[in-house]
N, C-alpha and C. Protein backbone atom coordinates (compact mmCIF):
# COMPACT_ATOMS: atom_id res chain seq x y z
N MET A 1 -96.04 -152.20 72.60
CA MET A 1 -94.97 -152.26 72.95
C MET A 1 -94.14 -152.75 71.86
N GLN A 2 -92.64 -151.61 71.54
CA GLN A 2 -92.17 -152.19 70.55
C GLN A 2 -91.57 -153.81 70.69
N GLU A 3 -91.18 -154.32 68.85
CA GLU A 3 -90.81 -155.59 69.32
C GLU A 3 -89.22 -155.47 69.40
N PRO A 4 -88.46 -156.09 69.95
CA PRO A 4 -87.17 -155.40 69.98
C PRO A 4 -86.76 -155.74 68.36
N ALA A 5 -85.37 -155.07 68.03
CA ALA A 5 -84.99 -155.13 66.69
C ALA A 5 -84.45 -156.75 66.37
N LEU A 6 -84.14 -156.80 65.13
CA LEU A 6 -83.60 -157.82 64.51
C LEU A 6 -81.82 -158.18 65.06
N SER A 7 -81.94 -156.77 64.99
CA SER A 7 -80.46 -156.49 65.22
C SER A 7 -80.11 -156.58 66.98
N ARG A 8 -81.15 -156.57 67.83
CA ARG A 8 -80.94 -156.79 69.11
C ARG A 8 -81.00 -157.87 69.87
N LEU A 9 -81.91 -158.81 68.59
CA LEU A 9 -81.56 -160.13 69.18
C LEU A 9 -81.01 -160.97 68.25
N LEU A 10 -79.99 -160.48 67.37
CA LEU A 10 -78.72 -160.71 66.78
C LEU A 10 -77.70 -160.23 67.05
N PRO A 11 -77.25 -160.20 68.07
CA PRO A 11 -75.77 -159.85 68.51
C PRO A 11 -74.90 -159.90 67.72
N LEU A 12 -73.74 -159.04 67.26
CA LEU A 12 -72.44 -160.15 66.87
C LEU A 12 -71.96 -161.05 67.30
N ASP A 13 -71.98 -160.82 68.71
CA ASP A 13 -71.98 -162.22 69.47
C ASP A 13 -71.89 -163.70 69.24
N ALA A 14 -73.45 -163.01 68.04
CA ALA A 14 -73.58 -164.00 67.95
C ALA A 14 -74.02 -164.92 66.54
N ILE A 15 -72.89 -164.23 65.60
CA ILE A 15 -73.45 -164.91 64.23
C ILE A 15 -71.54 -165.20 64.29
N ALA A 16 -71.46 -166.06 63.66
CA ALA A 16 -70.22 -166.54 63.36
C ALA A 16 -70.05 -167.27 61.76
N THR A 17 -69.05 -166.79 61.05
CA THR A 17 -68.69 -167.17 59.47
C THR A 17 -67.57 -168.66 59.89
N GLY A 18 -68.08 -169.19 58.97
CA GLY A 18 -66.74 -169.92 58.51
C GLY A 18 -66.75 -171.44 59.18
N ALA A 19 -68.21 -171.47 59.79
CA ALA A 19 -68.39 -172.65 60.63
C ALA A 19 -68.27 -174.30 59.72
N GLU A 20 -67.35 -175.10 61.48
CA GLU A 20 -67.03 -176.01 60.24
C GLU A 20 -68.25 -177.22 61.28
N ALA A 21 -69.12 -177.58 60.36
CA ALA A 21 -69.82 -179.03 60.67
C ALA A 21 -70.16 -180.07 59.82
N GLU A 22 -69.91 -180.87 60.42
CA GLU A 22 -69.47 -182.53 59.00
C GLU A 22 -70.60 -183.13 58.31
N ASP A 23 -71.82 -182.56 59.26
CA ASP A 23 -73.77 -183.31 58.75
C ASP A 23 -74.68 -182.21 59.74
N TRP A 24 -75.98 -182.73 59.50
CA TRP A 24 -76.99 -181.69 59.85
C TRP A 24 -76.83 -181.45 61.75
N ARG A 25 -76.47 -182.01 61.99
CA ARG A 25 -75.93 -182.25 63.50
C ARG A 25 -75.32 -181.05 64.02
N ALA A 26 -74.26 -181.38 63.87
CA ALA A 26 -73.32 -180.07 63.80
C ALA A 26 -73.32 -178.78 63.51
N ALA A 27 -74.23 -178.68 62.02
CA ALA A 27 -74.21 -177.47 61.85
C ALA A 27 -75.37 -176.98 63.30
N ILE A 28 -76.64 -177.71 63.21
CA ILE A 28 -77.49 -177.18 63.90
C ILE A 28 -76.77 -177.21 65.75
N ARG A 29 -75.69 -177.57 65.84
CA ARG A 29 -75.32 -177.23 67.01
C ARG A 29 -74.39 -175.87 66.96
N ALA A 30 -73.53 -175.90 65.53
CA ALA A 30 -73.05 -174.64 65.85
C ALA A 30 -73.89 -172.77 65.77
N ALA A 31 -75.17 -173.43 65.44
CA ALA A 31 -76.11 -172.05 65.80
C ALA A 31 -76.62 -172.62 67.21
N GLY A 32 -76.87 -173.51 67.67
CA GLY A 32 -76.88 -173.39 69.05
C GLY A 32 -76.41 -172.98 70.15
N GLU A 33 -74.59 -172.99 69.72
CA GLU A 33 -73.79 -172.90 70.95
C GLU A 33 -73.57 -171.02 71.09
N LEU A 34 -73.55 -170.71 69.62
CA LEU A 34 -73.44 -168.99 69.98
C LEU A 34 -75.37 -169.18 70.75
N LEU A 35 -76.45 -169.23 70.61
CA LEU A 35 -77.28 -169.26 71.26
C LEU A 35 -77.25 -169.51 72.70
N VAL A 36 -76.23 -170.16 73.28
CA VAL A 36 -75.39 -170.56 74.47
C VAL A 36 -74.87 -169.68 75.21
N ALA A 37 -74.33 -168.77 73.98
CA ALA A 37 -72.80 -168.21 74.48
C ALA A 37 -73.45 -166.93 74.80
N THR A 38 -73.91 -166.30 73.86
CA THR A 38 -74.74 -164.69 74.00
C THR A 38 -75.97 -164.63 75.67
N GLY A 39 -76.03 -166.54 76.11
CA GLY A 39 -77.32 -166.00 77.22
C GLY A 39 -78.87 -165.89 76.74
N ALA A 40 -79.07 -166.51 75.46
CA ALA A 40 -80.73 -166.63 75.59
C ALA A 40 -80.99 -168.07 75.87
N THR A 41 -80.31 -169.01 75.59
CA THR A 41 -80.38 -170.51 75.75
C THR A 41 -79.25 -171.31 76.73
N THR A 42 -80.31 -172.39 77.41
CA THR A 42 -79.18 -173.45 78.14
C THR A 42 -78.60 -174.56 77.31
N ASP A 43 -77.60 -174.94 77.25
CA ASP A 43 -77.62 -175.75 76.37
C ASP A 43 -78.45 -177.21 75.81
N ASP A 44 -78.93 -177.05 77.19
CA ASP A 44 -80.27 -178.27 76.23
C ASP A 44 -81.53 -178.01 75.38
N TYR A 45 -81.14 -176.85 74.69
CA TYR A 45 -81.93 -176.28 73.59
C TYR A 45 -81.12 -176.23 72.28
N ILE A 46 -79.86 -176.70 72.12
CA ILE A 46 -79.37 -177.12 71.44
C ILE A 46 -80.28 -179.37 70.80
N GLY A 47 -79.76 -179.90 71.81
CA GLY A 47 -80.91 -180.95 72.11
C GLY A 47 -82.20 -180.86 71.42
N GLU A 48 -82.94 -180.11 71.86
CA GLU A 48 -84.54 -179.57 71.28
C GLU A 48 -84.69 -179.31 70.19
N MET A 49 -83.55 -178.84 69.25
CA MET A 49 -83.36 -178.23 68.04
C MET A 49 -83.29 -179.70 67.13
N GLN A 50 -82.18 -180.21 67.57
CA GLN A 50 -82.57 -181.48 66.95
C GLN A 50 -82.82 -182.36 67.28
N GLN A 51 -83.74 -182.89 68.15
CA GLN A 51 -84.64 -183.85 68.94
C GLN A 51 -85.98 -183.30 67.74
N ALA A 52 -86.25 -182.00 67.47
CA ALA A 52 -87.12 -181.56 66.29
C ALA A 52 -86.91 -181.84 64.75
N VAL A 53 -85.92 -182.06 64.81
CA VAL A 53 -85.41 -182.59 62.88
C VAL A 53 -85.60 -184.06 63.34
N GLU A 54 -84.97 -184.48 63.95
CA GLU A 54 -85.65 -186.37 64.01
C GLU A 54 -86.79 -186.83 64.38
N GLU A 55 -88.21 -185.48 64.95
CA GLU A 55 -88.83 -186.14 65.09
C GLU A 55 -89.73 -185.59 63.40
N TYR A 56 -89.75 -184.29 63.05
CA TYR A 56 -90.12 -183.65 62.06
C TYR A 56 -89.66 -183.75 60.65
N GLY A 57 -88.49 -183.82 60.80
CA GLY A 57 -87.77 -184.31 59.16
C GLY A 57 -87.31 -182.83 58.87
N PRO A 58 -86.92 -182.64 58.02
CA PRO A 58 -85.29 -181.61 57.81
C PRO A 58 -87.04 -179.84 57.43
N TYR A 59 -88.10 -180.06 57.50
CA TYR A 59 -89.02 -178.80 58.06
C TYR A 59 -88.34 -177.35 58.22
N ILE A 60 -87.18 -177.66 58.61
CA ILE A 60 -86.29 -176.47 58.73
C ILE A 60 -85.69 -175.89 57.68
N VAL A 61 -85.79 -176.62 56.82
CA VAL A 61 -84.71 -175.96 55.59
C VAL A 61 -85.62 -175.44 54.99
N ILE A 62 -85.61 -174.31 55.09
CA ILE A 62 -87.13 -172.90 54.87
C ILE A 62 -86.68 -172.73 52.90
N ALA A 63 -85.59 -172.19 52.76
CA ALA A 63 -85.41 -171.87 51.67
C ALA A 63 -84.05 -172.30 50.69
N PRO A 64 -83.06 -172.77 50.10
CA PRO A 64 -82.59 -173.47 49.51
C PRO A 64 -80.90 -172.38 50.26
N GLY A 65 -80.09 -173.59 50.87
CA GLY A 65 -79.55 -172.49 51.42
C GLY A 65 -79.28 -172.46 53.11
N LEU A 66 -80.72 -172.73 53.68
CA LEU A 66 -80.86 -172.01 54.26
C LEU A 66 -82.07 -172.56 55.93
N ALA A 67 -81.78 -173.30 56.65
CA ALA A 67 -81.76 -173.49 57.58
C ALA A 67 -82.71 -172.51 59.09
N LEU A 68 -83.70 -172.83 59.25
CA LEU A 68 -83.93 -172.06 60.79
C LEU A 68 -84.12 -173.16 61.10
N ALA A 69 -83.29 -173.37 62.54
CA ALA A 69 -82.59 -173.90 63.54
C ALA A 69 -83.48 -173.67 64.61
N HIS A 70 -84.64 -174.39 65.43
CA HIS A 70 -85.76 -173.90 65.90
C HIS A 70 -86.06 -174.82 67.39
N SER A 71 -87.35 -174.55 67.84
CA SER A 71 -87.73 -176.23 69.06
C SER A 71 -88.81 -175.25 69.29
N ARG A 72 -90.07 -175.61 70.32
CA ARG A 72 -90.76 -174.59 70.74
C ARG A 72 -90.28 -174.59 72.16
N PRO A 73 -91.22 -172.54 72.46
CA PRO A 73 -90.65 -172.15 74.15
C PRO A 73 -90.45 -173.12 74.88
N SER A 74 -89.21 -173.87 75.95
CA SER A 74 -88.80 -174.19 76.58
C SER A 74 -87.94 -173.82 78.30
N PRO A 75 -88.42 -174.40 78.93
CA PRO A 75 -87.15 -174.07 79.98
C PRO A 75 -86.00 -173.47 79.71
N ALA A 76 -86.05 -174.62 78.39
CA ALA A 76 -84.46 -174.22 77.98
C ALA A 76 -83.98 -172.26 77.42
N VAL A 77 -84.90 -172.28 76.97
CA VAL A 77 -84.97 -170.78 76.72
C VAL A 77 -85.05 -169.95 77.75
N LEU A 78 -83.95 -168.98 77.40
CA LEU A 78 -83.67 -167.66 79.28
C LEU A 78 -84.34 -165.81 78.37
N ARG A 79 -84.16 -166.05 76.90
CA ARG A 79 -84.70 -164.67 76.44
C ARG A 79 -84.26 -165.35 75.07
N THR A 80 -85.58 -164.23 74.31
CA THR A 80 -85.64 -164.64 73.00
C THR A 80 -85.06 -163.90 71.93
N GLY A 81 -83.88 -164.99 71.25
CA GLY A 81 -82.47 -164.52 70.42
C GLY A 81 -82.47 -164.95 69.76
N LEU A 82 -81.57 -164.45 68.22
CA LEU A 82 -81.11 -165.37 66.83
C LEU A 82 -80.13 -165.54 67.25
N SER A 83 -79.35 -166.51 66.26
CA SER A 83 -78.24 -167.04 66.07
C SER A 83 -77.50 -167.16 64.84
N TRP A 84 -76.44 -166.95 64.37
CA TRP A 84 -76.04 -167.34 62.69
C TRP A 84 -74.83 -167.81 62.55
N ALA A 85 -75.02 -168.97 61.74
CA ALA A 85 -73.95 -169.87 61.58
C ALA A 85 -73.81 -169.94 59.93
N GLY A 86 -72.80 -169.27 59.28
CA GLY A 86 -72.86 -169.53 57.99
C GLY A 86 -71.84 -170.42 58.34
N LEU A 87 -71.55 -171.72 56.99
CA LEU A 87 -71.23 -172.58 57.44
C LEU A 87 -70.27 -172.29 56.42
N LYS A 88 -68.72 -172.85 56.73
CA LYS A 88 -67.61 -173.30 55.57
C LYS A 88 -67.93 -174.21 54.32
N THR A 89 -68.41 -175.44 54.50
CA THR A 89 -68.75 -175.88 54.08
C THR A 89 -70.06 -176.62 54.29
N PRO A 90 -71.41 -176.76 52.84
CA PRO A 90 -72.27 -176.75 52.95
C PRO A 90 -73.06 -178.12 53.87
N VAL A 91 -73.73 -178.63 54.26
CA VAL A 91 -74.52 -179.78 54.56
C VAL A 91 -76.14 -180.35 54.01
N GLU A 92 -75.80 -181.47 54.14
CA GLU A 92 -77.49 -181.91 53.87
C GLU A 92 -78.12 -182.26 54.91
N PHE A 93 -78.93 -181.61 54.62
CA PHE A 93 -79.92 -182.35 55.82
C PHE A 93 -81.29 -182.99 55.46
N GLY A 94 -81.25 -183.24 54.18
CA GLY A 94 -82.37 -184.41 54.05
C GLY A 94 -83.29 -183.62 53.09
N HIS A 95 -83.35 -182.76 52.42
CA HIS A 95 -84.68 -181.70 51.88
C HIS A 95 -84.69 -181.83 50.73
N ALA A 96 -85.08 -182.29 50.03
CA ALA A 96 -86.05 -182.37 48.46
C ALA A 96 -85.20 -181.65 48.25
N ALA A 97 -85.48 -179.89 47.66
CA ALA A 97 -85.34 -179.03 47.33
C ALA A 97 -84.50 -178.15 47.41
N ASN A 98 -84.15 -178.38 48.76
CA ASN A 98 -83.34 -176.62 49.16
C ASN A 98 -81.65 -177.49 50.17
N ASP A 99 -81.62 -178.83 49.77
CA ASP A 99 -80.10 -178.41 49.82
C ASP A 99 -79.22 -178.47 49.40
N PRO A 100 -78.30 -178.03 49.24
CA PRO A 100 -77.41 -178.17 51.03
C PRO A 100 -77.28 -176.85 51.57
N VAL A 101 -77.36 -176.86 53.29
CA VAL A 101 -77.68 -175.92 53.65
C VAL A 101 -76.53 -175.43 53.75
N ARG A 102 -76.43 -173.73 53.77
CA ARG A 102 -75.05 -173.01 53.77
C ARG A 102 -75.13 -172.24 54.89
N LEU A 103 -76.35 -172.05 55.29
CA LEU A 103 -76.43 -171.18 56.59
C LEU A 103 -77.40 -171.50 57.20
N VAL A 104 -77.08 -171.81 59.16
CA VAL A 104 -77.90 -171.97 60.04
C VAL A 104 -78.52 -170.87 60.48
N ILE A 105 -79.56 -170.30 60.30
CA ILE A 105 -80.16 -169.33 61.96
C ILE A 105 -80.43 -170.21 62.76
N GLY A 106 -80.01 -169.96 64.08
CA GLY A 106 -80.94 -170.72 65.10
C GLY A 106 -81.79 -168.89 65.67
N LEU A 107 -83.08 -169.86 66.30
CA LEU A 107 -84.28 -168.87 67.17
C LEU A 107 -84.24 -169.43 68.03
N ALA A 108 -84.34 -169.01 69.35
CA ALA A 108 -84.85 -168.97 70.20
C ALA A 108 -86.41 -168.26 70.94
N ALA A 109 -87.32 -168.60 71.17
CA ALA A 109 -87.96 -167.58 71.83
C ALA A 109 -88.59 -168.02 73.29
N VAL A 110 -89.18 -167.42 73.78
CA VAL A 110 -89.35 -167.78 75.78
C VAL A 110 -91.48 -168.05 75.35
N ASP A 111 -91.85 -167.75 74.01
CA ASP A 111 -92.99 -167.64 74.37
C ASP A 111 -93.43 -167.89 72.08
N HIS A 112 -94.43 -168.54 72.38
CA HIS A 112 -95.09 -168.04 70.75
C HIS A 112 -95.69 -167.07 70.08
N ASP A 113 -95.56 -166.28 70.40
CA ASP A 113 -95.46 -165.42 70.23
C ASP A 113 -94.74 -164.09 69.98
N GLY A 114 -93.19 -164.14 70.41
CA GLY A 114 -91.84 -163.85 70.07
C GLY A 114 -91.62 -165.07 69.47
N HIS A 115 -92.04 -165.92 69.13
CA HIS A 115 -91.40 -166.55 68.11
C HIS A 115 -91.72 -166.30 66.23
N SER A 116 -93.17 -166.36 66.77
CA SER A 116 -93.97 -165.85 65.19
C SER A 116 -93.55 -164.22 65.00
N SER A 117 -93.02 -163.17 65.40
CA SER A 117 -93.19 -162.25 65.67
C SER A 117 -91.52 -161.97 65.01
N ALA A 118 -90.69 -162.62 65.17
CA ALA A 118 -89.52 -162.44 65.21
C ALA A 118 -89.20 -162.98 63.51
N LEU A 119 -90.08 -164.31 63.74
CA LEU A 119 -90.00 -164.85 62.12
C LEU A 119 -90.39 -164.26 60.68
N SER A 120 -91.67 -163.62 61.92
CA SER A 120 -92.20 -163.05 59.98
C SER A 120 -90.91 -161.98 59.91
N ARG A 121 -90.56 -160.82 61.09
CA ARG A 121 -89.72 -160.19 60.34
C ARG A 121 -88.16 -160.59 60.36
N LEU A 122 -87.86 -161.28 59.94
CA LEU A 122 -86.52 -162.22 59.59
C LEU A 122 -86.76 -163.27 58.58
N ALA A 123 -87.88 -162.74 58.16
CA ALA A 123 -88.75 -163.50 56.60
C ALA A 123 -88.78 -162.47 55.48
N ARG A 124 -88.98 -161.73 56.56
CA ARG A 124 -89.41 -160.01 55.12
C ARG A 124 -88.48 -159.53 55.02
N MET A 125 -87.11 -159.73 56.00
CA MET A 125 -85.92 -159.53 55.24
C MET A 125 -85.07 -160.07 54.31
N LEU A 126 -84.73 -161.79 54.47
CA LEU A 126 -84.68 -162.69 53.88
C LEU A 126 -84.76 -163.00 52.49
N ALA A 127 -86.37 -162.44 52.53
CA ALA A 127 -87.15 -162.65 51.23
C ALA A 127 -86.47 -161.53 49.92
N ASP A 128 -85.90 -160.48 50.34
CA ASP A 128 -85.12 -159.91 49.25
C ASP A 128 -83.56 -161.05 48.66
N PRO A 129 -83.81 -161.23 47.22
CA PRO A 129 -83.04 -162.18 46.84
C PRO A 129 -81.17 -161.79 47.11
N ASP A 130 -81.37 -159.96 46.79
CA ASP A 130 -80.16 -159.73 46.62
C ASP A 130 -79.68 -158.97 48.10
N ARG A 131 -80.62 -159.14 48.76
CA ARG A 131 -80.12 -158.94 50.44
C ARG A 131 -79.93 -160.44 51.41
N LEU A 132 -80.69 -161.28 50.45
CA LEU A 132 -79.87 -162.18 51.01
C LEU A 132 -78.51 -163.49 50.78
N LYS A 133 -78.81 -162.50 49.30
CA LYS A 133 -77.12 -163.13 48.80
C LYS A 133 -75.74 -162.54 49.19
N ARG A 134 -75.90 -160.93 49.28
CA ARG A 134 -75.43 -159.89 51.05
C ARG A 134 -74.89 -161.09 51.77
N LEU A 135 -75.97 -161.69 52.48
CA LEU A 135 -75.74 -161.95 53.92
C LEU A 135 -75.62 -163.19 54.10
N THR A 136 -75.78 -164.02 52.99
CA THR A 136 -74.78 -165.02 52.95
C THR A 136 -73.58 -164.78 52.49
N GLU A 137 -73.15 -164.59 51.22
CA GLU A 137 -71.59 -164.03 51.00
C GLU A 137 -71.01 -163.32 51.98
N ALA A 138 -71.47 -162.46 52.60
CA ALA A 138 -70.71 -161.91 54.18
C ALA A 138 -69.69 -163.04 54.47
N THR A 139 -68.04 -162.48 55.14
CA THR A 139 -67.19 -162.72 55.65
C THR A 139 -66.99 -162.75 57.21
N GLY A 140 -68.01 -161.58 57.58
CA GLY A 140 -67.54 -161.25 58.85
C GLY A 140 -68.75 -160.91 59.70
N ALA A 141 -68.84 -161.30 61.08
CA ALA A 141 -70.07 -160.84 61.94
C ALA A 141 -70.57 -159.37 61.13
N ALA A 142 -69.82 -158.66 61.44
CA ALA A 142 -69.88 -156.96 61.07
C ALA A 142 -70.77 -156.38 59.91
N GLU A 143 -70.21 -157.18 58.74
CA GLU A 143 -70.07 -157.14 57.81
C GLU A 143 -72.47 -157.35 57.43
N ILE A 144 -72.37 -158.75 58.51
CA ILE A 144 -73.83 -159.29 58.27
C ILE A 144 -74.25 -158.08 58.99
N HIS A 145 -73.84 -158.05 60.93
CA HIS A 145 -74.88 -157.43 61.12
C HIS A 145 -75.29 -155.59 60.88
N GLY A 146 -74.53 -155.12 59.94
CA GLY A 146 -74.34 -154.14 59.00
C GLY A 146 -75.71 -154.46 58.42
N THR A 147 -75.74 -155.45 57.34
CA THR A 147 -76.63 -155.85 56.51
C THR A 147 -77.87 -156.03 57.16
N ILE A 148 -78.14 -156.08 58.37
CA ILE A 148 -79.23 -156.14 58.92
C ILE A 148 -79.52 -155.14 59.20
N SER A 149 -79.02 -154.58 60.56
CA SER A 149 -79.37 -153.03 60.44
C SER A 149 -79.94 -151.65 59.65
N ASP A 150 -78.75 -151.57 58.41
CA ASP A 150 -79.48 -151.33 57.51
C ASP A 150 -80.96 -151.44 56.79
N TYR A 151 -80.95 -152.80 57.00
CA TYR A 151 -82.32 -153.22 56.14
C TYR A 151 -84.07 -152.79 57.36
N GLU A 152 -83.50 -152.79 58.58
CA GLU A 152 -84.35 -152.48 59.88
C GLU A 152 -83.97 -150.92 59.26
N SER A 153 -82.92 -150.11 59.50
CA SER A 153 -83.40 -148.82 59.00
C SER A 153 -84.16 -147.83 57.84
N SER A 154 -83.84 -149.18 57.11
CA SER A 154 -84.99 -148.66 55.28
C SER A 154 -86.54 -149.28 55.79
N ALA A 155 -86.72 -150.56 56.47
CA ALA A 155 -87.61 -151.08 56.84
C ALA A 155 -88.86 -150.16 57.57
N GLU A 156 -87.89 -148.85 58.64
CA GLU A 156 -89.08 -147.99 59.53
C GLU A 156 -89.87 -146.71 59.07
């Protein structure tokens, strides 16, 4: 079975640039609200993502300026999906090396398999410093979505 493309998991409606967030909780909420708006999760998932950081610390800050907000699969996840919240002003999550965060990617997965395959594809895409720079400096959803689609076309 072919896995859904990142560009399908991350529809245009799940991408925001210039999101306002005064702290890490609001940054996670920005990414979470996009998951809710596109039908990937219920509102409860936002609290679950915030709770994960409260419990385990800022482990979701996986690279300089980049947080991958997620929680374990739960009834609040309706389908596997991604969201992209580019922050207008970077926020501190409390990570020693990778703060402040400029981009919060939300990940919701119905099971651990969906979680790990989406995560590995995302990691491969973001591993290219030039592509990551293009994505984080993009000013609109269409530009971000196009860069992701171009990556997937070239990766096939």
